[in-house]
């Protein structure tokens, strides 16, 4: 065989190999699609309403001075926690002290006078009763004499003039007895004179009213906490605003002396848009974060929803907002009244459900579907969907825990497509 013939045979053989490779390649089908997948597992599905809010104490109040005078002593400092009724300050008011002492003495004297009047009244009653008894004895004697003379007259032992004179004495004794009874009754009604117990009790009641008012005014010199909470501020001296009031400084009636915050915890006040308030309920969890405490997350719960929607503070907005209060489960020391925070109100919280990324769910008419990977191929599954959040949707039926689902629908996918899975984890709660 010549060299030329051998070279020709080599070229032909190479062409045959190329043709065979091409034929074999044609029978392999399209290349597998690389797709990210998620492994289905039960999870907690949440939807959250983002809002902004302000850290506040549950309630604040101004504690004023109710009487004029001079500061005697300040017993607390700003930032101090105090209990309800705890003494905060005292006011020196000598005139009030003198007046209260005088009215207390007057009241005590009036009370003592009741006992004296009771003795006097009893003595007067005895005297009136003695007069009645004397008049009754005189009447009985006059009646006896008259009756005896009537019998003597019948026997013609005495003249009629004597009987008439005895009758007149009996009638006079009867009048005197009736007058004594009337005086006794009248004395009981009137209290037996101006020094009666009734009059003394009236004077004591009047003295008690005056004394109670004066003692109340004196009590106002002791300034106490109206509730348990934190002292936020102490008034400054009007003539020296760089220092707080102190012993000896004058104060006037109604002057604010302290501001107090109720309790020792914090709440968050948020304005929720009127269109979103339908999803907010008392008791829902709320997560609080803020730039002033980076890396920290505080948990609270919706504690109050205002019954009134008010116009937004934003002048350019026509929407209305509803004041919503969130009580924090704990109040760390780094929180300060007035801080601005971010809030996520958990409006839906479904534990132990199957949820998939929204991108994994496709639509075919009114039906929803996903692609499940089995033995390297995509299997199209019809699913029934439930609630949908910003990133995830609840799956009611059609797939189960352990299934491998393609994380995002791909227009190149169809039922039976070869798939090269690229795991991206398991389904997780929506942020």
Protein backbone atom coordinates (compact mmCIF):
# COMPACT_ATOMS: atom_id res chain seq x y z
CA UNK A 1 0.00 0.00 0.00
CA UNK A 2 1.30 3.33 -0.98
CA UNK A 3 1.80 6.17 1.46
CA UNK A 4 -0.89 8.21 -0.25
CA UNK A 5 -3.47 5.45 0.05
CA UNK A 6 -2.70 5.00 3.78
CA UNK A 7 -3.22 8.72 4.49
CA UNK A 8 -6.56 8.64 2.67
CA UNK A 9 -7.76 5.71 4.81
CA UNK A 10 -6.81 7.60 8.00
CA UNK A 11 -8.84 10.64 6.95
CA UNK A 12 -11.90 8.50 6.15
CA UNK A 13 -11.67 6.72 9.50
CA UNK A 14 -11.52 10.05 11.34
CA UNK A 15 -14.62 11.27 9.52
CA UNK A 16 -16.47 8.08 10.47
CA UNK A 17 -15.59 8.62 14.17
CA UNK A 18 -16.84 12.24 14.04
CA UNK A 19 -20.12 11.10 12.46
CA UNK A 20 -20.61 8.38 15.09
CA UNK A 21 -19.97 10.86 17.96
CA UNK A 22 -22.44 13.30 16.44
CA UNK A 23 -25.08 10.59 16.09
CA UNK A 24 -24.58 9.42 19.67
CA UNK A 25 -24.75 13.01 20.97
CA UNK A 26 -28.05 13.55 19.18
CA UNK A 27 -29.67 10.67 21.13
CA UNK A 28 -28.75 12.13 24.62
CA UNK A 29 -31.53 14.87 24.59
CA UNK A 30 -31.28 18.46 25.95
CA UNK A 31 -28.82 19.32 28.71
CA UNK A 32 -30.07 19.32 32.36
CA UNK A 33 -31.15 22.72 33.82
CA UNK A 34 -29.32 23.91 36.93
CA UNK A 35 -31.96 25.12 39.39
CA UNK A 36 -31.88 26.29 43.02
CA UNK A 37 -34.08 24.14 45.24
CA UNK A 38 -35.49 24.18 48.77
CA UNK A 39 -36.34 21.26 50.97
CA UNK A 40 -39.89 21.52 52.27
CA UNK A 41 -40.25 21.51 56.07
CA UNK A 42 -42.80 22.73 58.60
CA UNK A 43 -42.14 26.28 59.71
CA UNK A 44 -43.76 29.34 61.29
CA UNK A 45 -45.42 31.72 58.86
CA UNK A 46 -45.64 35.38 59.85
CA UNK A 47 -46.76 38.62 58.29
CA UNK A 48 -45.55 41.87 59.82
CA UNK A 49 -46.73 45.45 59.67
CA UNK A 50 -43.74 47.84 59.74
CA UNK A 51 -44.26 51.10 61.64
CA UNK A 52 -42.21 53.73 63.43
CA UNK A 53 -42.82 54.79 67.01
CA UNK A 54 -41.57 56.71 70.02
CA UNK A 55 -40.39 55.32 73.38
CA UNK A 56 -42.40 56.79 76.25
CA UNK A 57 -43.25 56.18 79.86
CA UNK A 58 -46.79 54.83 80.37
CA UNK A 59 -47.99 58.12 81.86
CA UNK A 60 -46.60 61.40 83.11
CA UNK A 61 -47.89 63.92 85.62
CA UNK A 62 -46.90 67.26 87.10
CA UNK A 63 -46.77 67.42 90.90
CA UNK A 64 -47.44 71.02 92.02
CA UNK A 65 -47.27 72.82 95.35
CA UNK A 66 -50.79 73.41 96.70
CA UNK A 67 -49.82 76.05 99.27
CA UNK A 68 -47.46 79.01 99.28
CA UNK A 69 -44.39 79.09 101.46
CA UNK A 70 -40.70 78.23 101.34
CA UNK A 71 -39.06 74.91 100.49
CA UNK A 72 -38.24 73.14 103.73
CA UNK A 73 -36.63 70.02 102.23
CA UNK A 74 -36.35 68.13 98.90
CA UNK A 75 -36.16 64.38 99.56
CA UNK A 76 -35.71 62.95 96.03
CA UNK A 77 -33.53 63.42 92.96
CA UNK A 78 -34.20 63.25 89.22
CA UNK A 79 -34.19 59.68 87.90
CA UNK A 80 -35.13 58.19 91.28
CA UNK A 81 -37.90 55.59 91.48
CA UNK A 82 -40.48 56.38 94.18
CA UNK A 83 -43.53 54.59 95.52
CA UNK A 84 -47.06 55.95 95.67
CA UNK A 85 -47.46 58.20 98.72
CA UNK A 86 -43.71 58.63 99.26
CA UNK A 87 -42.68 62.05 100.62
CA UNK A 88 -41.06 64.14 97.88
CA UNK A 89 -40.72 67.54 99.55
CA UNK A 90 -42.00 69.65 102.44
CA UNK A 91 -43.04 73.32 102.54
CA UNK A 92 -42.44 75.65 105.48
CA UNK A 93 -45.65 77.68 106.06
CA UNK A 94 -45.74 79.09 109.64
CA UNK A 95 -49.11 80.84 109.21
CA UNK A 96 -50.78 77.60 108.16
CA UNK A 97 -49.20 75.79 111.08
CA UNK A 98 -50.50 78.39 113.55
CA UNK A 99 -53.98 78.45 112.06
CA UNK A 100 -54.20 74.68 112.05
CA UNK A 101 -53.05 74.48 115.67
CA UNK A 102 -55.68 77.09 116.72
CA UNK A 103 -58.54 75.34 114.94
CA UNK A 104 -57.49 72.02 116.44
CA UNK A 105 -57.66 73.57 119.92
CA UNK A 106 -61.07 75.09 119.15
CA UNK A 107 -62.39 71.76 117.98
CA UNK A 108 -61.05 69.95 121.04
CA UNK A 109 -62.69 72.59 123.29
CA UNK A 110 -65.99 72.27 121.45
CA UNK A 111 -65.92 68.49 121.86
CA UNK A 112 -65.22 68.89 125.59
CA UNK A 113 -68.12 71.36 125.85
CA UNK A 114 -70.50 68.64 124.71
CA UNK A 115 -69.77 66.67 127.85
CA UNK A 116 -70.28 69.77 130.03
CA UNK A 117 -73.54 70.56 128.27
CA UNK A 118 -74.71 67.00 128.78
CA UNK A 119 -74.19 67.38 132.56
CA UNK A 120 -75.94 70.77 132.59
CA UNK A 121 -78.81 69.37 130.59
CA UNK A 122 -79.22 66.49 132.99
CA UNK A 123 -79.26 68.92 135.94
CA UNK A 124 -81.87 71.09 134.23
CA UNK A 125 -83.99 68.05 133.51
CA UNK A 126 -83.88 67.09 137.19
CA UNK A 127 -85.00 70.58 138.17
CA UNK A 128 -87.89 70.56 135.73
CA UNK A 129 -88.91 67.12 136.92
CA UNK A 130 -88.78 68.32 140.56
CA UNK A 131 -91.15 71.16 139.69
CA UNK A 132 -93.53 68.67 138.13
CA UNK A 133 -93.38 66.41 141.15
CA UNK A 134 -94.02 69.36 143.53
CA UNK A 135 -96.96 70.58 141.46
CA UNK A 136 -98.40 67.06 141.35
CA UNK A 137 -98.19 66.77 145.14
CA UNK A 138 -99.93 70.14 145.56
CA UNK A 139 -102.64 69.09 143.12
CA UNK A 140 -103.22 65.80 144.91
CA UNK A 141 -103.52 67.63 148.27
CA UNK A 142 -105.93 70.23 146.88
CA UNK A 143 -108.02 67.46 145.33
CA UNK A 144 -108.15 65.61 148.66
CA UNK A 145 -109.25 68.75 150.60
CA UNK A 146 -111.87 69.60 147.99
CA UNK A 147 -113.39 66.12 148.04
CA UNK A 148 -113.45 66.12 151.87
CA UNK A 149 -115.20 69.51 151.96
CA UNK A 150 -117.77 68.31 149.43
CA UNK A 151 -118.75 65.48 151.82
CA UNK A 152 -118.87 67.89 154.79
CA UNK A 153 -121.08 70.24 152.79
CA UNK A 154 -123.46 67.40 152.01
CA UNK A 155 -123.74 66.82 155.76
CA UNK A 156 -124.22 70.57 156.25
CA UNK A 157 -121.07 70.69 158.35
CA UNK A 158 -119.50 73.59 156.44
CA UNK A 159 -120.70 76.48 154.34
CA UNK A 160 -120.80 76.40 150.53
CA UNK A 161 -118.31 79.29 150.38
CA UNK A 162 -115.65 76.99 151.84
CA UNK A 163 -116.31 74.33 149.19
CA UNK A 164 -116.06 76.95 146.45
CA UNK A 165 -112.78 78.25 147.87
CA UNK A 166 -111.32 74.70 148.00
CA UNK A 167 -112.45 74.08 144.42
CA UNK A 168 -110.66 77.22 143.29
CA UNK A 169 -107.47 76.06 145.02
CA UNK A 170 -107.79 72.62 143.35
CA UNK A 171 -108.25 74.24 139.91
CA UNK A 172 -105.23 76.51 140.49
CA UNK A 173 -103.11 73.50 141.50
CA UNK A 174 -104.25 71.73 138.31
CA UNK A 175 -103.10 74.67 136.19
CA UNK A 176 -99.73 74.81 137.96
CA UNK A 177 -99.25 71.07 137.39
CA UNK A 178 -100.06 71.32 133.71
CA UNK A 179 -97.66 74.25 133.37
CA UNK A 180 -94.89 72.25 135.06
CA UNK A 181 -95.49 69.37 132.61
CA UNK A 182 -95.41 71.78 129.70
CA UNK A 183 -92.13 73.28 130.91
CA UNK A 184 -90.63 69.79 131.21
CA UNK A 185 -91.70 68.89 127.67
CA UNK A 186 -90.52 72.21 126.26
CA UNK A 187 -87.17 71.83 128.01
CA UNK A 188 -86.64 68.42 126.41
CA UNK A 189 -87.42 69.82 122.96
CA UNK A 190 -85.21 72.91 123.26
CA UNK A 191 -82.34 71.18 125.03
CA UNK A 192 -83.07 72.81 128.38
CA UNK A 193 -81.57 76.15 127.39
CA UNK A 194 -78.78 77.64 125.25
CA UNK A 195 -76.14 75.42 126.89
CA UNK A 196 -77.85 72.25 125.67
CA UNK A 197 -76.09 69.21 124.24
CA UNK A 198 -77.72 69.92 120.89
CA UNK A 199 -76.23 73.41 120.80
CA UNK A 200 -72.82 72.12 121.90
CA UNK A 201 -72.87 69.43 119.20
CA UNK A 202 -73.69 72.03 116.55
CA UNK A 203 -70.76 74.18 117.69
CA UNK A 204 -68.45 71.16 117.67
CA UNK A 205 -69.53 70.21 114.13
CA UNK A 206 -68.82 73.75 112.94
CA UNK A 207 -65.41 73.68 114.64
CA UNK A 208 -64.68 70.30 113.07
CA UNK A 209 -65.38 71.61 109.55
CA UNK A 210 -63.10 74.60 110.05
CA UNK A 211 -60.39 72.42 111.58
CA UNK A 212 -60.59 69.85 108.78
CA UNK A 213 -60.05 72.56 106.19
CA UNK A 214 -57.08 73.98 108.08
CA UNK A 215 -55.55 70.53 108.65
CA UNK A 216 -55.96 69.79 104.94
CA UNK A 217 -54.13 72.96 104.07
CA UNK A 218 -51.39 72.02 106.54
CA UNK A 219 -51.22 68.56 104.97
CA UNK A 220 -50.51 70.20 101.62
CA UNK A 221 -47.13 71.26 103.01
CA UNK A 222 -46.14 67.59 102.61
CA UNK A 223 -45.80 66.86 98.88
CA UNK A 224 -46.15 63.13 98.15
CA UNK A 225 -45.97 60.98 95.01
CA UNK A 226 -49.46 60.51 93.48
CA UNK A 227 -48.40 57.11 92.07
CA UNK A 228 -45.39 54.83 91.79
CA UNK A 229 -42.92 55.98 89.16
CA UNK A 230 -39.75 57.84 88.26
CA UNK A 231 -38.94 61.46 89.09
CA UNK A 232 -38.15 62.98 85.71
CA UNK A 233 -37.50 66.61 86.60
CA UNK A 234 -37.33 68.93 89.61
CA UNK A 235 -38.33 72.56 89.18
CA UNK A 236 -35.60 75.15 88.77
CA UNK A 237 -35.29 78.33 90.78
CA UNK A 238 -37.19 81.12 88.93
CA UNK A 239 -34.33 83.55 89.51
CA UNK A 240 -31.59 81.02 88.72
CA UNK A 241 -32.65 78.52 86.03
CA UNK A 242 -29.28 76.75 86.24
CA UNK A 243 -30.10 75.16 89.61
CA UNK A 244 -33.02 73.24 91.05
CA UNK A 245 -35.11 74.67 93.86
CA UNK A 246 -33.68 73.97 97.30
CA UNK A 247 -34.31 74.64 100.98
CA UNK A 248 -35.38 78.22 101.62
CA UNK A 249 -36.57 78.98 98.08
CA UNK A 250 -40.07 80.51 97.91
CA UNK A 251 -42.88 78.70 96.10
CA UNK A 252 -46.38 79.78 95.16
CA UNK A 253 -49.68 77.92 95.11
CA UNK A 254 -49.95 75.81 91.95
CA UNK A 255 -46.26 76.06 91.05
CA UNK A 256 -45.00 72.86 89.34
CA UNK A 257 -42.37 71.26 91.52
CA UNK A 258 -41.86 67.77 90.01
CA UNK A 259 -42.68 65.85 86.84
CA UNK A 260 -43.17 62.12 87.28
CA UNK A 261 -43.42 59.18 84.90
CA UNK A 262 -45.74 56.37 85.91
CA UNK A 263 -44.14 52.96 86.53
CA UNK A 264 -40.52 52.03 85.86
CA UNK A 265 -41.04 50.57 82.37
CA UNK A 266 -41.59 51.97 78.88
CA UNK A 267 -44.20 51.76 76.16
CA UNK A 268 -44.03 52.56 72.46
CA UNK A 269 -46.58 54.87 70.82
CA UNK A 270 -47.12 54.35 67.10
CA UNK A 271 -49.45 55.90 64.51
CA UNK A 272 -50.92 53.10 62.38
CA UNK A 273 -52.46 54.02 59.03
CA UNK A 274 -56.25 53.68 59.04
CA UNK A 275 -56.06 51.19 56.14
CA UNK A 276 -53.78 48.87 58.15
CA UNK A 277 -55.49 49.03 61.55
CA UNK A 278 -57.95 46.29 60.51
CA UNK A 279 -55.07 43.81 60.83
CA UNK A 280 -53.97 45.01 64.30
CA UNK A 281 -55.39 43.52 67.50
CA UNK A 282 -54.63 43.84 71.21
CA UNK A 283 -52.21 41.10 72.29
CA UNK A 284 -50.29 40.81 69.02
CA UNK A 285 -46.51 40.55 69.32
CA UNK A 286 -44.43 43.50 68.21
CA UNK A 287 -40.66 43.53 67.65
CA UNK A 288 -38.90 46.82 68.38
CA UNK A 289 -35.49 47.86 67.04
CA UNK A 290 -33.71 51.19 66.79
CA UNK A 291 -30.60 52.96 65.58
CA UNK A 292 -29.94 54.09 69.15
CA UNK A 293 -29.48 50.46 70.30
CA UNK A 294 -28.07 48.60 67.26
CA UNK A 295 -28.10 44.81 67.32
CA UNK A 296 -30.79 44.69 70.01
CA UNK A 297 -34.39 43.55 69.51
CA UNK A 298 -37.06 44.20 72.12
CA UNK A 299 -40.28 42.23 72.25
CA UNK A 300 -43.59 43.82 73.21
CA UNK A 301 -47.30 43.35 72.69
CA UNK A 302 -50.08 45.62 71.46
CA UNK A 303 -51.82 46.80 74.64
CA UNK A 304 -54.19 49.52 73.43
CA UNK A 305 -55.72 50.74 70.17
CA UNK A 306 -57.31 54.17 70.15
CA UNK A 307 -61.04 54.18 69.25
CA UNK A 308 -60.51 57.35 67.18
CA UNK A 309 -58.70 57.90 63.89
CA UNK A 310 -57.05 61.32 63.62
CA UNK A 311 -55.56 63.25 60.72
CA UNK A 312 -51.94 62.46 59.95
CA UNK A 313 -49.33 64.82 61.37
CA UNK A 314 -47.91 64.98 57.84
CA UNK A 315 -49.51 68.11 56.35
CA UNK A 316 -49.12 66.72 52.83
CA UNK A 317 -51.12 63.57 53.66
CA UNK A 318 -54.90 63.26 53.69
CA UNK A 319 -54.81 59.86 55.42
CA UNK A 320 -55.84 59.31 59.00
CA UNK A 321 -53.95 57.38 61.65
CA UNK A 322 -54.85 55.42 64.77
CA UNK A 323 -52.72 55.76 67.92
CA UNK A 324 -51.53 52.29 68.95
CA UNK A 325 -49.74 51.50 72.21
CA UNK A 326 -47.19 48.70 72.57
CA UNK A 327 -46.13 47.59 76.05
CA UNK A 328 -42.57 46.29 76.17
CA UNK A 329 -41.95 42.96 77.92
CA UNK A 330 -38.78 44.43 79.41
CA UNK A 331 -37.27 47.91 79.60
CA UNK A 332 -33.45 47.88 79.50
CA UNK A 333 -31.57 50.74 81.10
CA UNK A 334 -30.41 52.08 77.73
CA UNK A 335 -33.96 53.10 76.79
CA UNK A 336 -34.72 56.79 77.11
CA UNK A 337 -37.98 58.68 76.89
CA UNK A 338 -38.40 60.14 73.40
CA UNK A 339 -36.26 57.67 71.42
CA UNK A 340 -37.45 56.92 67.87
CA UNK A 341 -37.75 53.20 67.06
CA UNK A 342 -38.83 50.82 64.30
CA UNK A 343 -41.68 48.41 64.99
CA UNK A 344 -42.79 45.20 63.30
CA UNK A 345 -46.28 44.23 64.46
CA UNK A 346 -46.81 40.50 63.87
CA UNK A 347 -50.30 40.54 62.33
CA UNK A 348 -50.32 36.82 61.39
CA UNK A 349 -48.51 34.07 63.25
CA UNK A 350 -49.14 30.49 62.03
CA UNK A 351 -46.93 27.85 63.65
CA UNK A 352 -46.25 24.48 62.04
CA UNK A 353 -47.28 25.15 58.44
CA UNK A 354 -45.68 24.59 55.04
CA UNK A 355 -44.69 27.80 53.30
CA UNK A 356 -42.71 28.35 50.10
CA UNK A 357 -41.03 31.38 48.50
CA UNK A 358 -43.51 33.28 46.38
CA UNK A 359 -41.17 32.88 43.41
CA UNK A 360 -41.53 29.07 43.58
CA UNK A 361 -45.27 29.20 42.85
CA UNK A 362 -46.52 29.46 39.31
CA UNK A 363 -49.99 30.17 37.93
CA UNK A 364 -51.94 28.28 35.32
CA UNK A 365 -55.30 29.97 35.01
CA UNK A 366 -56.90 29.91 38.46
CA UNK A 367 -54.68 27.08 39.67
CA UNK A 368 -51.29 27.27 41.34
CA UNK A 369 -48.41 24.86 40.81
CA UNK A 370 -44.82 24.14 41.83
CA UNK A 371 -42.06 21.92 40.41
CA UNK A 372 -40.93 19.06 42.62
CA UNK A 373 -37.60 17.41 41.75
CA UNK A 374 -37.69 13.58 41.68
CA UNK A 375 -34.98 11.36 40.23
CA UNK A 376 -33.36 14.33 38.49
CA UNK A 377 -36.52 15.48 36.74
CA UNK A 378 -39.07 18.25 37.38
CA UNK A 379 -42.55 17.08 38.29
CA UNK A 380 -45.30 19.67 38.02
CA UNK A 381 -47.62 19.63 41.08
CA UNK A 382 -50.89 21.48 41.55
CA UNK A 383 -51.04 23.06 45.02
CA UNK A 384 -53.67 24.83 47.12
CA UNK A 385 -52.33 28.07 48.52
CA UNK A 386 -53.31 29.98 51.67
CA UNK A 387 -52.14 33.30 53.07
CA UNK A 388 -49.47 35.13 51.11
CA UNK A 389 -46.84 37.36 52.70
CA UNK A 390 -44.22 39.63 51.22
CA UNK A 391 -41.84 36.74 50.44
CA UNK A 392 -43.66 33.49 51.25
CA UNK A 393 -47.03 31.80 50.76
CA UNK A 394 -48.67 29.13 52.88
CA UNK A 395 -49.25 25.83 51.03
CA UNK A 396 -52.38 24.02 52.23
CA UNK A 397 -52.00 20.88 50.13
CA UNK A 398 -50.16 19.41 47.14
CA UNK A 399 -46.72 18.92 48.68
CA UNK A 400 -45.36 17.59 51.95
CA UNK A 401 -42.41 17.84 54.26
CA UNK A 402 -39.24 16.42 52.69
CA UNK A 403 -40.16 17.29 49.09
CA UNK A 404 -37.50 19.10 47.05
CA UNK A 405 -39.05 22.09 45.29
CA UNK A 406 -37.49 24.37 42.68
CA UNK A 407 -37.10 27.74 44.39
CA UNK A 408 -38.13 29.90 41.42
CA UNK A 409 -40.20 29.10 38.35
CA UNK A 410 -38.19 29.05 35.11
CA UNK A 411 -39.84 29.51 31.68
CA UNK A 412 -37.55 26.74 30.34
CA UNK A 413 -38.99 24.25 32.83
CA UNK A 414 -41.75 21.83 31.96
CA UNK A 415 -43.04 18.61 33.39
CA UNK A 416 -40.26 16.06 32.95
CA UNK A 417 -37.40 18.51 32.41
CA UNK A 418 -33.99 17.21 33.48
CA UNK A 419 -32.84 19.18 36.51
CA UNK A 420 -29.48 19.56 38.16
CA UNK A 421 -30.50 20.60 41.77
CA UNK A 422 -28.56 23.37 43.48
CA UNK A 423 -29.70 23.25 47.18
CA UNK A 424 -30.36 26.59 48.84
CA UNK A 425 -31.61 25.35 52.24
CA UNK A 426 -35.07 24.82 53.65
CA UNK A 427 -38.11 27.03 53.61
CA UNK A 428 -37.99 29.58 56.43
CA UNK A 429 -40.39 32.13 57.98
CA UNK A 430 -41.12 35.25 56.03
CA UNK A 431 -39.24 38.27 57.34
